[in-house]
Each structure stands twice: as structure tokens, then as C-alpha cells.
Amino acid sequence: MTQEKNEFTDEQISGIEDPADGTRTDEETLGPDVEAIIAERDDYRDRFMRALADAENARKRAEKERRDAEQYGGSRLARDLLSVHDNLTRALAAVTDESRAASAALIEGVELTLRDLENIFSRHGIKVITPEIGEKFDPLLHEAMFEAPIPETPAGNVIQVMNHGFMLHERLLRPAQVGVSSAPVA
């Protein structure tokens, strides 16, 4: 493919008017019709730029909504599965040494099921919030189920964990349900 070079002959060049020779092509000398056309052009240019900005904003908003739907679309299902995690955790907490010896295979099956559920949770961005006893109460992650004055325990610390909490990526699915120490009665 060859590229053509733009060359002008002397006749073509002499036919072009030079503004320096006294002819005016300013917008001021064009008349009211041309001024109206220029105003209309400017209006269309402004509308066009606004339409472009609106389209770009709509594209960004749609992209954010798509990402959110991808990350958080399964939050209802995840919330429904939290009770399964709670029940398996409670079942394992209720196991005594006697029952562990008598039902080792059953208990191992429950442990494997809980571990598998936690692996599925982690693959989908669900993290378990497990507060520790003595940890400072955080209202963004914990839900206080009760308060109790405990001697030699600072007020506002976790004293009992009733249920684990869960996060889905950066959103709280369910706060951890905890008991909190209050100021001891004097």
C-alpha cells in the first residue's frame, strides 16, 4: 500500500485567500445567520460532551453493579448456610470424651463435613469471625446478646461467644453473637 503525498500546484495555491490581504473571515463579520449557526454548534457540542459523560458514568455504574453482583449475588444462599455451620459447630461442642470413644466415626464425619463447609465458604469469600474471650467488643463485627458484671474483667470485653460471625468479602453477613462484660457493681 503506497501513501500519497499531498502536493499543491501554484494555481491551486493562488486560489486560496490569504486573511492577511484584507479579507476578514472572523465570526464578527459573518452576520446574524452564521452567529446563530455557531451558537447552535456550541449548544450541540455541549450536549454531545454531556452525553459522552453520561454514557461513561453509566458504563462505570454498570461495571460496578456487575462486580457487586458477582461478589455478593450469593449472599442469601450464604446466609441460609450459616445455620448449617452453627449446627455442626454446636454438635461438635456437645461431644464428650465418652461419646467420642463410642461414636468416633460419626464424630469424624461431622468434623469432615464442617471442614468441607468452611473450605467452600473460603473459596467463595466467606470468612468466619471468631472473637476470643477477653477481646474488646467491636460493634461493627459483634452483636451483644447480654451484659454481665464480671470481677477483674474490664468493661466492654467479650466474655462469651454464642455464635460465630461471618463476612462475605468486605460485607458483614452476620455479626458474632457475644456476651459482654459490664462495669462491676460496687
Protein backbone atom coordinates (compact mmCIF):
# COMPACT_ATOMS: atom_id res chain seq x y z
CA MET A 1 0.00 0.00 0.00
CA THR A 2 1.53 3.30 -1.03
CA GLN A 3 0.89 6.54 0.72
CA GLU A 4 0.02 9.52 -1.47
CA LYS A 5 1.77 12.76 -0.78
CA ASN A 6 -0.36 15.91 -0.82
CA GLU A 7 1.21 18.34 -3.24
CA PHE A 8 -0.44 21.53 -4.45
CA THR A 9 0.23 23.26 -7.74
CA ASP A 10 0.87 27.00 -7.92
CA GLU A 11 -2.58 27.55 -9.46
CA GLN A 12 -4.27 25.78 -6.54
CA ILE A 13 -2.25 27.75 -4.02
CA SER A 14 -3.01 31.09 -5.69
CA GLY A 15 -6.75 30.33 -5.45
CA ILE A 16 -6.61 30.22 -1.61
CA GLU A 17 -7.46 33.54 0.01
CA ASP A 18 -4.97 34.87 2.49
CA PRO A 19 -6.54 36.56 5.52
CA ALA A 20 -3.56 38.90 5.60
CA ASP A 21 -4.66 40.51 2.33
CA GLY A 22 -7.55 42.31 3.98
CA THR A 23 -10.34 39.76 3.64
CA ARG A 24 -11.89 39.01 7.02
CA THR A 25 -13.20 35.59 7.95
CA ASP A 26 -13.81 36.39 11.64
CA GLU A 27 -17.08 35.32 13.25
CA GLU A 28 -17.86 39.02 13.80
CA THR A 29 -18.18 39.76 10.08
CA LEU A 30 -20.18 36.67 9.18
CA GLY A 31 -23.62 38.03 10.04
CA PRO A 32 -26.51 37.02 12.28
CA ASP A 33 -27.31 33.77 10.46
CA VAL A 34 -23.80 32.48 10.90
CA GLU A 35 -23.75 33.60 14.52
CA ALA A 36 -26.92 31.61 15.13
CA ILE A 37 -25.35 28.58 13.48
CA ILE A 38 -22.22 28.98 15.61
CA ALA A 39 -24.38 29.23 18.77
CA GLU A 40 -26.28 26.13 17.69
CA ARG A 41 -22.96 24.33 17.03
CA ASP A 42 -21.73 25.25 20.51
CA ASP A 43 -25.01 24.02 22.02
CA TYR A 44 -24.71 20.70 20.16
CA ARG A 45 -21.09 20.37 21.21
CA ASP A 46 -22.09 20.94 24.87
CA ARG A 47 -24.91 18.38 24.58
CA PHE A 48 -22.56 15.91 22.94
CA MET A 49 -19.97 16.28 25.70
CA ARG A 50 -22.64 15.85 28.37
CA ALA A 51 -23.99 12.76 26.60
CA LEU A 52 -20.48 11.31 26.46
CA ALA A 53 -20.01 11.97 30.19
CA ASP A 54 -23.40 10.40 30.96
CA ALA A 55 -22.55 7.34 28.87
CA GLU A 56 -19.19 6.97 30.64
CA ASN A 57 -20.86 7.28 34.05
CA ALA A 58 -23.47 4.70 33.07
CA ARG A 59 -20.72 2.34 31.89
CA LYS A 60 -18.82 2.71 35.17
CA ARG A 61 -22.00 2.24 37.21
CA ALA A 62 -22.94 -0.90 35.25
CA GLU A 63 -19.42 -2.29 35.72
CA LYS A 64 -19.60 -1.70 39.49
CA GLU A 65 -23.05 -3.31 39.67
CA ARG A 66 -21.74 -6.30 37.71
CA ARG A 67 -18.78 -6.70 40.08
CA ASP A 68 -21.06 -6.39 43.12
CA ALA A 69 -23.48 -8.94 41.69
CA GLU A 70 -20.59 -11.30 41.04
CA GLN A 71 -19.18 -10.91 44.57
CA TYR A 72 -22.36 -10.54 46.61
CA GLY A 73 -25.02 -12.22 44.47
CA GLY A 74 -24.97 -15.38 46.57
CA SER A 75 -25.35 -13.64 49.92
CA ARG A 76 -28.87 -15.03 50.52
CA LEU A 77 -27.68 -18.58 49.99
CA ALA A 78 -24.66 -17.89 52.17
CA ARG A 79 -26.88 -16.57 54.99
CA ASP A 80 -29.03 -19.69 54.76
CA LEU A 81 -25.94 -21.91 55.07
CA LEU A 82 -24.75 -20.15 58.23
CA SER A 83 -27.24 -22.13 60.33
CA VAL A 84 -25.74 -25.36 58.96
CA HIS A 85 -22.31 -24.18 60.17
CA ASP A 86 -23.79 -23.25 63.56
CA ASN A 87 -25.48 -26.63 63.97
CA LEU A 88 -22.36 -28.59 63.06
CA THR A 89 -20.28 -26.46 65.44
CA ARG A 90 -22.79 -26.97 68.28
CA ALA A 91 -22.89 -30.72 67.60
CA LEU A 92 -19.10 -30.93 67.93
CA ALA A 93 -19.11 -28.75 71.06
CA ALA A 94 -21.62 -31.10 72.71
CA VAL A 95 -19.39 -34.16 72.21
CA THR A 96 -18.00 -35.55 75.45
CA ASP A 97 -14.98 -37.81 75.79
CA GLU A 98 -17.26 -40.80 76.42
CA SER A 99 -19.34 -40.19 73.29
CA ARG A 100 -16.19 -39.52 71.25
CA ALA A 101 -14.91 -43.00 72.08
CA ALA A 102 -18.28 -44.63 71.39
CA SER A 103 -19.05 -42.77 68.13
CA ALA A 104 -15.65 -41.91 66.70
CA ALA A 105 -16.64 -42.49 63.06
CA LEU A 106 -19.80 -40.37 63.35
CA ILE A 107 -17.95 -37.52 65.05
CA GLU A 108 -15.18 -37.69 62.45
CA GLY A 109 -17.84 -37.45 59.73
CA VAL A 110 -19.32 -34.33 61.34
CA GLU A 111 -15.85 -32.79 61.65
CA LEU A 112 -15.10 -33.52 57.98
CA THR A 113 -18.44 -32.04 56.93
CA LEU A 114 -17.76 -28.86 58.92
CA ARG A 115 -14.25 -28.60 57.46
CA ASP A 116 -15.64 -29.08 53.94
CA LEU A 117 -18.27 -26.39 54.53
CA GLU A 118 -15.59 -23.98 55.79
CA ASN A 119 -13.46 -24.72 52.70
CA ILE A 120 -16.44 -23.93 50.46
CA PHE A 121 -17.00 -20.73 52.42
CA SER A 122 -13.39 -19.64 51.96
CA ARG A 123 -13.48 -20.40 48.21
CA HIS A 124 -16.45 -18.04 47.89
CA GLY A 125 -15.01 -15.26 50.06
CA ILE A 126 -16.87 -16.05 53.29
CA LYS A 127 -14.72 -15.62 56.39
CA VAL A 128 -15.66 -16.81 59.85
CA ILE A 129 -15.43 -14.16 62.58
CA THR A 130 -14.32 -15.91 65.75
CA PRO A 131 -13.96 -13.49 68.66
CA GLU A 132 -11.71 -14.54 71.52
CA ILE A 133 -12.68 -14.33 75.19
CA GLY A 134 -11.19 -11.10 76.56
CA GLU A 135 -11.17 -9.40 73.16
CA LYS A 136 -12.53 -5.85 73.02
CA PHE A 137 -16.17 -5.66 71.86
CA ASP A 138 -16.41 -4.27 68.30
CA PRO A 139 -19.95 -3.15 67.38
CA LEU A 140 -19.08 -3.43 63.68
CA LEU A 141 -18.36 -7.15 64.00
CA HIS A 142 -20.12 -8.25 67.20
CA GLU A 143 -23.69 -8.23 68.47
CA ALA A 144 -24.01 -8.01 72.26
CA MET A 145 -26.56 -10.56 73.42
CA PHE A 146 -26.18 -9.74 77.11
CA GLU A 147 -24.03 -7.78 79.56
CA ALA A 148 -22.79 -9.14 82.86
CA PRO A 149 -20.56 -7.65 85.55
CA ILE A 150 -17.52 -9.91 85.84
CA PRO A 151 -15.00 -9.14 88.60
CA GLU A 152 -11.47 -8.34 87.41
CA THR A 153 -12.64 -8.03 83.79
CA PRO A 154 -12.57 -4.65 82.03
CA ALA A 155 -15.94 -3.37 80.86
CA GLY A 156 -16.56 -3.86 77.15
CA ASN A 157 -14.68 -7.15 76.70
CA VAL A 158 -16.11 -10.34 75.22
CA ILE A 159 -16.85 -12.86 77.98
CA GLN A 160 -18.76 -15.50 75.99
CA VAL A 161 -19.18 -16.38 72.30
CA MET A 162 -22.60 -17.73 71.45
CA ASN A 163 -22.37 -17.79 67.64
CA HIS A 164 -19.62 -17.02 65.18
CA GLY A 165 -19.98 -14.12 62.78
CA PHE A 166 -19.40 -14.16 59.04
CA MET A 167 -18.09 -11.73 56.42
CA LEU A 168 -18.68 -12.02 52.67
CA HIS A 169 -15.65 -10.31 51.13
CA GLU A 170 -15.90 -6.86 52.78
CA ARG A 171 -19.56 -7.04 53.86
CA LEU A 172 -20.86 -8.36 57.15
CA LEU A 173 -23.22 -11.30 56.64
CA ARG A 174 -23.89 -11.81 60.34
CA PRO A 175 -22.23 -10.33 63.41
CA ALA A 176 -20.76 -12.66 66.01
CA GLN A 177 -23.17 -13.02 68.91
CA VAL A 178 -21.32 -12.44 72.16
CA GLY A 179 -21.75 -11.69 75.84
CA VAL A 180 -20.02 -8.53 77.03
CA SER A 181 -18.64 -7.60 80.44
CA SER A 182 -20.05 -4.51 82.10
CA ALA A 183 -18.67 -2.43 84.94
CA PRO A 184 -18.70 -4.49 88.16
CA VAL A 185 -21.29 -3.42 90.74
CA ALA A 186 -19.60 -1.71 93.67
